[in-house]
Amino acid sequence: VIATRNRVDELTRTITHLQPLRVPVIVVDNGSSDDTVRRMRKD
């Protein structure tokens, strides 16, 4: 579980590191004003 806010580039790096672990990941966005939610759902 990851709580995030306005750090989409760092979050992307983190998800990339977690992906090989093959575990469920839940990102909870704390009202970001950048495009965190859109990019997570797209990428």
All heavy atoms as atom14 arrays in JSON, in Angstrom:
{
  "sequence": "VIATRNRVDELTRTITHLQPLRVPVIVVDNGSSDDTVRRMRKD",
  "atom14_mask": [
    [1, 1, 1, 1, 1, 1, 1, 0, 0, 0, 0, 0, 0, 0],
    [1, 1, 1, 1, 1, 1, 1, 1, 0, 0, 0, 0, 0, 0],
    [1, 1, 1, 1, 1, 0, 0, 0, 0, 0, 0, 0, 0, 0],
    [1, 1, 1, 1, 1, 1, 1, 0, 0, 0, 0, 0, 0, 0],
    [1, 1, 1, 1, 1, 1, 1, 1, 1, 1, 1, 0, 0, 0],
    [1, 1, 1, 1, 1, 1, 1, 1, 0, 0, 0, 0, 0, 0],
    [1, 1, 1, 1, 1, 1, 1, 1, 1, 1, 1, 0, 0, 0],
    [1, 1, 1, 1, 1, 1, 1, 0, 0, 0, 0, 0, 0, 0],
    [1, 1, 1, 1, 1, 1, 1, 1, 0, 0, 0, 0, 0, 0],
    [1, 1, 1, 1, 1, 1, 1, 1, 1, 0, 0, 0, 0, 0],
    [1, 1, 1, 1, 1, 1, 1, 1, 0, 0, 0, 0, 0, 0],
    [1, 1, 1, 1, 1, 1, 1, 0, 0, 0, 0, 0, 0, 0],
    [1, 1, 1, 1, 1, 1, 1, 1, 1, 1, 1, 0, 0, 0],
    [1, 1, 1, 1, 1, 1, 1, 0, 0, 0, 0, 0, 0, 0],
    [1, 1, 1, 1, 1, 1, 1, 1, 0, 0, 0, 0, 0, 0],
    [1, 1, 1, 1, 1, 1, 1, 0, 0, 0, 0, 0, 0, 0],
    [1, 1, 1, 1, 1, 1, 1, 1, 1, 1, 0, 0, 0, 0],
    [1, 1, 1, 1, 1, 1, 1, 1, 0, 0, 0, 0, 0, 0],
    [1, 1, 1, 1, 1, 1, 1, 1, 1, 0, 0, 0, 0, 0],
    [1, 1, 1, 1, 1, 1, 1, 0, 0, 0, 0, 0, 0, 0],
    [1, 1, 1, 1, 1, 1, 1, 1, 0, 0, 0, 0, 0, 0],
    [1, 1, 1, 1, 1, 1, 1, 1, 1, 1, 1, 0, 0, 0],
    [1, 1, 1, 1, 1, 1, 1, 0, 0, 0, 0, 0, 0, 0],
    [1, 1, 1, 1, 1, 1, 1, 0, 0, 0, 0, 0, 0, 0],
    [1, 1, 1, 1, 1, 1, 1, 0, 0, 0, 0, 0, 0, 0],
    [1, 1, 1, 1, 1, 1, 1, 1, 0, 0, 0, 0, 0, 0],
    [1, 1, 1, 1, 1, 1, 1, 0, 0, 0, 0, 0, 0, 0],
    [1, 1, 1, 1, 1, 1, 1, 0, 0, 0, 0, 0, 0, 0],
    [1, 1, 1, 1, 1, 1, 1, 1, 0, 0, 0, 0, 0, 0],
    [1, 1, 1, 1, 1, 1, 1, 1, 0, 0, 0, 0, 0, 0],
    [1, 1, 1, 1, 0, 0, 0, 0, 0, 0, 0, 0, 0, 0],
    [1, 1, 1, 1, 1, 1, 0, 0, 0, 0, 0, 0, 0, 0],
    [1, 1, 1, 1, 1, 1, 0, 0, 0, 0, 0, 0, 0, 0],
    [1, 1, 1, 1, 1, 1, 1, 1, 0, 0, 0, 0, 0, 0],
    [1, 1, 1, 1, 1, 1, 1, 1, 0, 0, 0, 0, 0, 0],
    [1, 1, 1, 1, 1, 1, 1, 0, 0, 0, 0, 0, 0, 0],
    [1, 1, 1, 1, 1, 1, 1, 0, 0, 0, 0, 0, 0, 0],
    [1, 1, 1, 1, 1, 1, 1, 1, 1, 1, 1, 0, 0, 0],
    [1, 1, 1, 1, 1, 1, 1, 1, 1, 1, 1, 0, 0, 0],
    [1, 1, 1, 1, 1, 1, 1, 1, 0, 0, 0, 0, 0, 0],
    [1, 1, 1, 1, 1, 1, 1, 1, 1, 1, 1, 0, 0, 0],
    [1, 1, 1, 1, 1, 1, 1, 1, 1, 0, 0, 0, 0, 0],
    [1, 1, 1, 1, 1, 1, 1, 1, 0, 0, 0, 0, 0, 0]
  ],
  "atom14_positions": [
    [[0.85, -1.19, 0.0], [0.0, 0.0, 0.0], [0.88, 1.24, 0.0], [1.81, 1.35, 0.81], [-0.94, 0.01, 1.22], [-1.63, 1.37, 1.37], [-2.0, -1.08, 1.08], [0.0, 0.0, 0.0], [0.0, 0.0, 0.0], [0.0, 0.0, 0.0], [0.0, 0.0, 0.0], [0.0, 0.0, 0.0], [0.0, 0.0, 0.0], [0.0, 0.0, 0.0]],
    [[0.58, 2.16, -0.91], [1.37, 3.39, -1.05], [0.43, 4.59, -0.98], [-0.54, 4.68, -1.75], [2.11, 3.43, -2.41], [2.98, 2.19, -2.59], [2.94, 4.7, -2.53], [3.54, 2.04, -3.99], [0.0, 0.0, 0.0], [0.0, 0.0, 0.0], [0.0, 0.0, 0.0], [0.0, 0.0, 0.0], [0.0, 0.0, 0.0], [0.0, 0.0, 0.0]],
    [[0.71, 5.51, -0.08], [0.02, 6.8, -0.06], [0.9, 7.8, -0.79], [2.11, 7.86, -0.56], [-0.24, 7.26, 1.37], [0.0, 0.0, 0.0], [0.0, 0.0, 0.0], [0.0, 0.0, 0.0], [0.0, 0.0, 0.0], [0.0, 0.0, 0.0], [0.0, 0.0, 0.0], [0.0, 0.0, 0.0], [0.0, 0.0, 0.0], [0.0, 0.0, 0.0]],
    [[0.32, 8.6, -1.67], [1.13, 9.51, -2.49], [0.43, 10.84, -2.68], [-0.8, 10.95, -2.55], [1.41, 8.87, -3.87], [2.34, 9.68, -4.6], [0.12, 8.73, -4.68], [0.0, 0.0, 0.0], [0.0, 0.0, 0.0], [0.0, 0.0, 0.0], [0.0, 0.0, 0.0], [0.0, 0.0, 0.0], [0.0, 0.0, 0.0], [0.0, 0.0, 0.0]],
    [[1.25, 11.85, -3.0], [0.71, 13.17, -3.32], [1.73, 13.95, -4.16], [2.83, 14.25, -3.68], [0.35, 13.95, -2.05], [-0.16, 15.38, -2.33], [-0.58, 16.06, -1.02], [-0.77, 17.48, -1.18], [-1.87, 18.06, -1.67], [-2.89, 17.31, -2.06], [-1.95, 19.37, -1.79], [0.0, 0.0, 0.0], [0.0, 0.0, 0.0], [0.0, 0.0, 0.0]],
    [[1.37, 14.21, -5.42], [2.16, 15.1, -6.3], [3.61, 14.64, -6.51], [4.52, 15.45, -6.58], [2.16, 16.54, -5.77], [0.78, 17.18, -5.89], [-0.02, 16.81, -6.75], [0.5, 18.14, -5.02], [0.0, 0.0, 0.0], [0.0, 0.0, 0.0], [0.0, 0.0, 0.0], [0.0, 0.0, 0.0], [0.0, 0.0, 0.0], [0.0, 0.0, 0.0]],
    [[3.82, 13.34, -6.61], [5.17, 12.82, -6.87], [5.1, 11.71, -7.91], [5.6, 10.6, -7.72], [5.8, 12.26, -5.59], [6.15, 13.31, -4.55], [6.78, 12.63, -3.35], [7.18, 13.57, -2.33], [7.65, 13.2, -1.13], [7.78, 11.92, -0.85], [8.0, 14.11, -0.23], [0.0, 0.0, 0.0], [0.0, 0.0, 0.0], [0.0, 0.0, 0.0]],
    [[4.47, 11.98, -9.02], [4.19, 10.91, -9.98], [5.46, 10.3, -10.56], [5.51, 9.1, -10.82], [3.26, 11.43, -11.1], [3.95, 12.49, -11.95], [2.77, 10.27, -11.95], [0.0, 0.0, 0.0], [0.0, 0.0, 0.0], [0.0, 0.0, 0.0], [0.0, 0.0, 0.0], [0.0, 0.0, 0.0], [0.0, 0.0, 0.0], [0.0, 0.0, 0.0]],
    [[6.52, 11.08, -10.75], [7.75, 10.52, -11.31], [8.41, 9.55, -10.33], [8.84, 8.45, -10.71], [8.73, 11.63, -11.69], [8.24, 12.45, -12.87], [7.49, 11.89, -13.71], [8.59, 13.65, -12.95], [0.0, 0.0, 0.0], [0.0, 0.0, 0.0], [0.0, 0.0, 0.0], [0.0, 0.0, 0.0], [0.0, 0.0, 0.0], [0.0, 0.0, 0.0]],
    [[8.5, 9.94, -9.05], [9.06, 9.03, -8.05], [8.16, 7.8, -7.89], [8.65, 6.67, -7.75], [9.2, 9.73, -6.7], [10.36, 10.71, -6.64], [9.93, 12.12, -7.03], [8.88, 12.26, -7.7], [10.67, 13.06, -6.69], [0.0, 0.0, 0.0], [0.0, 0.0, 0.0], [0.0, 0.0, 0.0], [0.0, 0.0, 0.0], [0.0, 0.0, 0.0]],
    [[6.86, 8.0, -7.91], [5.93, 6.88, -7.78], [6.1, 5.9, -8.94], [6.06, 4.68, -8.74], [4.5, 7.41, -7.74], [3.39, 6.36, -7.63], [3.54, 5.52, -6.37], [2.02, 7.05, -7.66], [0.0, 0.0, 0.0], [0.0, 0.0, 0.0], [0.0, 0.0, 0.0], [0.0, 0.0, 0.0], [0.0, 0.0, 0.0], [0.0, 0.0, 0.0]],
    [[6.31, 6.42, -10.14], [6.54, 5.55, -11.3], [7.78, 4.69, -11.09], [7.78, 3.49, -11.39], [6.7, 6.41, -12.57], [5.46, 7.09, -12.82], [7.05, 5.55, -13.76], [0.0, 0.0, 0.0], [0.0, 0.0, 0.0], [0.0, 0.0, 0.0], [0.0, 0.0, 0.0], [0.0, 0.0, 0.0], [0.0, 0.0, 0.0], [0.0, 0.0, 0.0]],
    [[8.85, 5.28, -10.57], [10.06, 4.51, -10.28], [9.78, 3.42, -9.25], [10.22, 2.28, -9.39], [11.17, 5.44, -9.78], [12.47, 4.73, -9.4], [13.5, 5.7, -8.85], [13.01, 6.37, -7.64], [13.56, 7.45, -7.1], [14.62, 8.01, -7.67], [13.07, 7.98, -5.99], [0.0, 0.0, 0.0], [0.0, 0.0, 0.0], [0.0, 0.0, 0.0]],
    [[9.04, 3.78, -8.2], [8.72, 2.81, -7.16], [7.92, 1.64, -7.71], [8.22, 0.47, -7.43], [7.93, 3.51, -6.03], [8.82, 4.36, -5.31], [7.33, 2.5, -5.06], [0.0, 0.0, 0.0], [0.0, 0.0, 0.0], [0.0, 0.0, 0.0], [0.0, 0.0, 0.0], [0.0, 0.0, 0.0], [0.0, 0.0, 0.0], [0.0, 0.0, 0.0]],
    [[6.89, 1.92, -8.49], [6.07, 0.86, -9.06], [6.91, -0.04, -9.97], [6.75, -1.27, -9.99], [4.87, 1.44, -9.84], [3.97, 2.26, -8.91], [4.07, 0.33, -10.51], [3.35, 1.47, -7.78], [0.0, 0.0, 0.0], [0.0, 0.0, 0.0], [0.0, 0.0, 0.0], [0.0, 0.0, 0.0], [0.0, 0.0, 0.0], [0.0, 0.0, 0.0]],
    [[7.82, 0.56, -10.71], [8.7, -0.23, -11.58], [9.55, -1.19, -10.77], [9.78, -2.34, -11.18], [9.59, 0.71, -12.41], [8.76, 1.58, -13.2], [10.5, -0.07, -13.33], [0.0, 0.0, 0.0], [0.0, 0.0, 0.0], [0.0, 0.0, 0.0], [0.0, 0.0, 0.0], [0.0, 0.0, 0.0], [0.0, 0.0, 0.0], [0.0, 0.0, 0.0]],
    [[10.03, -0.76, -9.61], [10.8, -1.64, -8.74], [9.93, -2.74, -8.13], [10.39, -3.87, -7.92], [11.45, -0.85, -7.61], [12.7, -0.13, -8.0], [13.88, -0.79, -8.28], [12.97, 1.2, -8.15], [14.82, 0.1, -8.6], [14.3, 1.31, -8.52], [0.0, 0.0, 0.0], [0.0, 0.0, 0.0], [0.0, 0.0, 0.0], [0.0, 0.0, 0.0]],
    [[8.67, -2.42, -7.83], [7.79, -3.39, -7.19], [7.22, -4.42, -8.16], [6.89, -5.54, -7.75], [6.63, -2.66, -6.49], [6.97, -1.79, -5.29], [5.74, -1.04, -4.82], [7.54, -2.63, -4.14], [0.0, 0.0, 0.0], [0.0, 0.0, 0.0], [0.0, 0.0, 0.0], [0.0, 0.0, 0.0], [0.0, 0.0, 0.0], [0.0, 0.0, 0.0]],
    [[7.13, -4.08, -9.42], [6.46, -4.94, -10.39], [7.04, -6.37, -10.44], [6.27, -7.34, -10.48], [6.49, -4.3, -11.78], [5.61, -5.01, -12.79], [5.35, -4.14, -14.02], [5.88, -3.05, -14.16], [4.48, -4.64, -14.9], [0.0, 0.0, 0.0], [0.0, 0.0, 0.0], [0.0, 0.0, 0.0], [0.0, 0.0, 0.0], [0.0, 0.0, 0.0]],
    [[8.36, -6.54, -10.41], [8.9, -7.92, -10.46], [8.52, -8.77, -9.25], [8.64, -10.0, -9.31], [10.41, -7.7, -10.52], [10.6, -6.32, -11.04], [9.45, -5.55, -10.49], [0.0, 0.0, 0.0], [0.0, 0.0, 0.0], [0.0, 0.0, 0.0], [0.0, 0.0, 0.0], [0.0, 0.0, 0.0], [0.0, 0.0, 0.0], [0.0, 0.0, 0.0]],
    [[8.09, -8.17, -8.16], [7.73, -8.93, -6.96], [6.42, -9.69, -7.14], [6.12, -10.62, -6.38], [7.61, -8.0, -5.75], [8.83, -7.14, -5.4], [8.58, -6.39, -4.1], [10.09, -7.99, -5.3], [0.0, 0.0, 0.0], [0.0, 0.0, 0.0], [0.0, 0.0, 0.0], [0.0, 0.0, 0.0], [0.0, 0.0, 0.0], [0.0, 0.0, 0.0]],
    [[5.61, -9.28, -8.12], [4.33, -9.95, -8.42], [3.42, -10.01, -7.18], [2.91, -11.08, -6.82], [4.57, -11.34, -8.99], [5.33, -11.33, -10.32], [5.46, -12.71, -10.91], [6.14, -12.67, -12.19], [5.57, -12.39, -13.36], [4.27, -12.13, -13.4], [6.29, -12.39, -14.48], [0.0, 0.0, 0.0], [0.0, 0.0, 0.0], [0.0, 0.0, 0.0]],
    [[3.26, -8.88, -6.56], [2.35, -8.76, -5.42], [1.3, -7.69, -5.74], [1.55, -6.81, -6.57], [3.11, -8.37, -4.13], [4.1, -9.45, -3.75], [3.8, -7.02, -4.28], [0.0, 0.0, 0.0], [0.0, 0.0, 0.0], [0.0, 0.0, 0.0], [0.0, 0.0, 0.0], [0.0, 0.0, 0.0], [0.0, 0.0, 0.0], [0.0, 0.0, 0.0]],
    [[0.14, -7.77, -5.12], [-0.86, -6.71, -5.33], [-0.34, -5.38, -4.81], [0.31, -5.33, -3.76], [-2.07, -7.19, -4.51], [-1.84, -8.64, -4.26], [-0.36, -8.83, -4.22], [0.0, 0.0, 0.0], [0.0, 0.0, 0.0], [0.0, 0.0, 0.0], [0.0, 0.0, 0.0], [0.0, 0.0, 0.0], [0.0, 0.0, 0.0], [0.0, 0.0, 0.0]],
    [[-0.63, -4.31, -5.53], [-0.23, -2.97, -5.13], [-1.45, -2.06, -5.16], [-2.2, -2.05, -6.15], [0.88, -2.4, -6.04], [1.21, -0.95, -5.63], [2.14, -3.26, -5.98], [0.0, 0.0, 0.0], [0.0, 0.0, 0.0], [0.0, 0.0, 0.0], [0.0, 0.0, 0.0], [0.0, 0.0, 0.0], [0.0, 0.0, 0.0], [0.0, 0.0, 0.0]],
    [[-1.65, -1.31, -4.08], [-2.74, -0.33, -4.01], [-2.12, 1.04, -3.77], [-1.4, 1.24, -2.79], [-3.72, -0.67, -2.87], [-4.37, -2.04, -3.11], [-4.79, 0.41, -2.75], [-5.26, -2.51, -1.97], [0.0, 0.0, 0.0], [0.0, 0.0, 0.0], [0.0, 0.0, 0.0], [0.0, 0.0, 0.0], [0.0, 0.0, 0.0], [0.0, 0.0, 0.0]],
    [[-2.39, 1.97, -4.67], [-1.93, 3.36, -4.55], [-3.11, 4.21, -4.1], [-4.17, 4.2, -4.75], [-1.36, 3.88, -5.88], [-1.13, 5.39, -5.8], [-0.06, 3.17, -6.22], [0.0, 0.0, 0.0], [0.0, 0.0, 0.0], [0.0, 0.0, 0.0], [0.0, 0.0, 0.0], [0.0, 0.0, 0.0], [0.0, 0.0, 0.0], [0.0, 0.0, 0.0]],
    [[-2.94, 4.92, -3.0], [-3.98, 5.82, -2.5], [-3.49, 7.25, -2.71], [-2.51, 7.67, -2.09], [-4.29, 5.55, -1.02], [-5.44, 6.43, -0.55], [-4.6, 4.08, -0.79], [0.0, 0.0, 0.0], [0.0, 0.0, 0.0], [0.0, 0.0, 0.0], [0.0, 0.0, 0.0], [0.0, 0.0, 0.0], [0.0, 0.0, 0.0], [0.0, 0.0, 0.0]],
    [[-4.18, 7.98, -3.58], [-3.75, 9.33, -3.91], [-4.38, 10.35, -2.98], [-5.6, 10.44, -2.85], [-4.12, 9.67, -5.35], [-3.61, 11.04, -5.75], [-2.39, 11.19, -5.92], [-4.44, 11.98, -5.85], [0.0, 0.0, 0.0], [0.0, 0.0, 0.0], [0.0, 0.0, 0.0], [0.0, 0.0, 0.0], [0.0, 0.0, 0.0], [0.0, 0.0, 0.0]],
    [[-3.51, 11.14, -2.33], [-3.93, 12.14, -1.34], [-4.22, 13.48, -2.02], [-3.61, 14.5, -1.69], [-2.81, 12.31, -0.3], [-3.16, 11.68, 1.04], [-4.31, 11.53, 1.38], [-2.14, 11.27, 1.78], [0.0, 0.0, 0.0], [0.0, 0.0, 0.0], [0.0, 0.0, 0.0], [0.0, 0.0, 0.0], [0.0, 0.0, 0.0], [0.0, 0.0, 0.0]],
    [[-5.14, 13.49, -2.96], [-5.56, 14.75, -3.58], [-4.49, 15.42, -4.41], [-4.35, 16.66, -4.36], [0.0, 0.0, 0.0], [0.0, 0.0, 0.0], [0.0, 0.0, 0.0], [0.0, 0.0, 0.0], [0.0, 0.0, 0.0], [0.0, 0.0, 0.0], [0.0, 0.0, 0.0], [0.0, 0.0, 0.0], [0.0, 0.0, 0.0], [0.0, 0.0, 0.0]],
    [[-3.73, 14.65, -5.2], [-2.68, 15.24, -6.04], [-3.26, 16.23, -7.04], [-4.36, 16.03, -7.58], [-1.93, 14.15, -6.8], [-1.17, 13.35, -5.91], [0.0, 0.0, 0.0], [0.0, 0.0, 0.0], [0.0, 0.0, 0.0], [0.0, 0.0, 0.0], [0.0, 0.0, 0.0], [0.0, 0.0, 0.0], [0.0, 0.0, 0.0], [0.0, 0.0, 0.0]],
    [[-2.48, 17.28, -7.31], [-2.88, 18.25, -8.34], [-2.14, 18.0, -9.65], [-2.38, 18.69, -10.64], [-2.6, 19.68, -7.86], [-1.22, 19.84, -7.51], [0.0, 0.0, 0.0], [0.0, 0.0, 0.0], [0.0, 0.0, 0.0], [0.0, 0.0, 0.0], [0.0, 0.0, 0.0], [0.0, 0.0, 0.0], [0.0, 0.0, 0.0], [0.0, 0.0, 0.0]],
    [[-1.22, 17.01, -9.67], [-0.57, 16.64, -10.92], [-1.39, 15.51, -11.57], [-2.55, 15.29, -11.22], [0.89, 16.25, -10.69], [1.05, 15.03, -9.78], [0.03, 14.38, -9.47], [2.18, 14.72, -9.38], [0.0, 0.0, 0.0], [0.0, 0.0, 0.0], [0.0, 0.0, 0.0], [0.0, 0.0, 0.0], [0.0, 0.0, 0.0], [0.0, 0.0, 0.0]],
    [[-0.79, 14.79, -12.5], [-1.55, 13.75, -13.2], [-1.25, 12.35, -12.67], [-1.23, 11.38, -13.41], [-1.29, 13.81, -14.71], [0.18, 13.65, -15.06], [1.03, 13.71, -14.14], [0.49, 13.45, -16.25], [0.0, 0.0, 0.0], [0.0, 0.0, 0.0], [0.0, 0.0, 0.0], [0.0, 0.0, 0.0], [0.0, 0.0, 0.0], [0.0, 0.0, 0.0]],
    [[-1.05, 12.25, -11.36], [-0.73, 10.97, -10.73], [-1.78, 9.91, -11.05], [-1.44, 8.8, -11.5], [-0.61, 11.12, -9.21], [0.54, 11.92, -8.9], [-0.46, 9.76, -8.53], [0.0, 0.0, 0.0], [0.0, 0.0, 0.0], [0.0, 0.0, 0.0], [0.0, 0.0, 0.0], [0.0, 0.0, 0.0], [0.0, 0.0, 0.0], [0.0, 0.0, 0.0]],
    [[-3.03, 10.21, -10.81], [-4.08, 9.21, -10.97], [-4.18, 8.76, -12.42], [-4.25, 7.56, -12.73], [-5.43, 9.76, -10.46], [-6.56, 8.79, -10.77], [-5.35, 10.03, -8.96], [0.0, 0.0, 0.0], [0.0, 0.0, 0.0], [0.0, 0.0, 0.0], [0.0, 0.0, 0.0], [0.0, 0.0, 0.0], [0.0, 0.0, 0.0], [0.0, 0.0, 0.0]],
    [[-4.16, 9.7, -13.35], [-4.28, 9.35, -14.77], [-3.11, 8.49, -15.22], [-3.3, 7.48, -15.89], [-4.35, 10.63, -15.62], [-4.53, 10.35, -17.13], [-4.3, 11.6, -17.95], [-2.9, 12.06, -17.88], [-1.92, 11.52, -18.62], [-2.15, 10.5, -19.43], [-0.68, 11.98, -18.51], [0.0, 0.0, 0.0], [0.0, 0.0, 0.0], [0.0, 0.0, 0.0]],
    [[-1.91, 8.87, -14.84], [-0.74, 8.12, -15.28], [-0.67, 6.73, -14.66], [-0.28, 5.76, -15.31], [0.54, 8.9, -14.98], [0.79, 10.01, -15.99], [2.04, 10.79, -15.69], [3.25, 9.96, -15.62], [4.46, 10.45, -15.38], [4.62, 11.76, -15.18], [5.52, 9.67, -15.34], [0.0, 0.0, 0.0], [0.0, 0.0, 0.0], [0.0, 0.0, 0.0]],
    [[-1.06, 6.61, -13.41], [-1.07, 5.3, -12.79], [-2.05, 4.37, -13.5], [-1.73, 3.21, -13.8], [-1.44, 5.4, -11.31], [-0.33, 5.9, -10.4], [1.1, 4.78, -10.34], [2.26, 5.72, -11.34], [0.0, 0.0, 0.0], [0.0, 0.0, 0.0], [0.0, 0.0, 0.0], [0.0, 0.0, 0.0], [0.0, 0.0, 0.0], [0.0, 0.0, 0.0]],
    [[-3.24, 4.86, -13.76], [-4.26, 4.03, -14.4], [-3.9, 3.71, -15.85], [-4.24, 2.62, -16.35], [-5.61, 4.7, -14.31], [-6.15, 4.74, -12.87], [-7.41, 5.55, -12.73], [-7.91, 5.46, -11.35], [-8.88, 6.23, -10.87], [-9.46, 7.15, -11.63], [-9.28, 6.08, -9.61], [0.0, 0.0, 0.0], [0.0, 0.0, 0.0], [0.0, 0.0, 0.0]],
    [[-3.18, 4.6, -16.5], [-2.8, 4.38, -17.89], [-1.57, 3.47, -17.99], [-1.55, 2.51, -18.77], [-2.5, 5.72, -18.57], [-1.97, 5.6, -20.01], [-1.73, 6.97, -20.6], [-1.17, 6.88, -22.01], [0.21, 6.31, -22.02], [0.0, 0.0, 0.0], [0.0, 0.0, 0.0], [0.0, 0.0, 0.0], [0.0, 0.0, 0.0], [0.0, 0.0, 0.0]],
    [[-0.52, 3.76, -17.22], [0.75, 3.05, -17.36], [0.82, 1.77, -16.53], [1.59, 0.86, -16.87], [1.91, 3.97, -16.95], [2.03, 5.19, -17.85], [1.49, 5.15, -18.97], [2.66, 6.19, -17.41], [0.0, 0.0, 0.0], [0.0, 0.0, 0.0], [0.0, 0.0, 0.0], [0.0, 0.0, 0.0], [0.0, 0.0, 0.0], [0.0, 0.0, 0.0]]
  ]
}
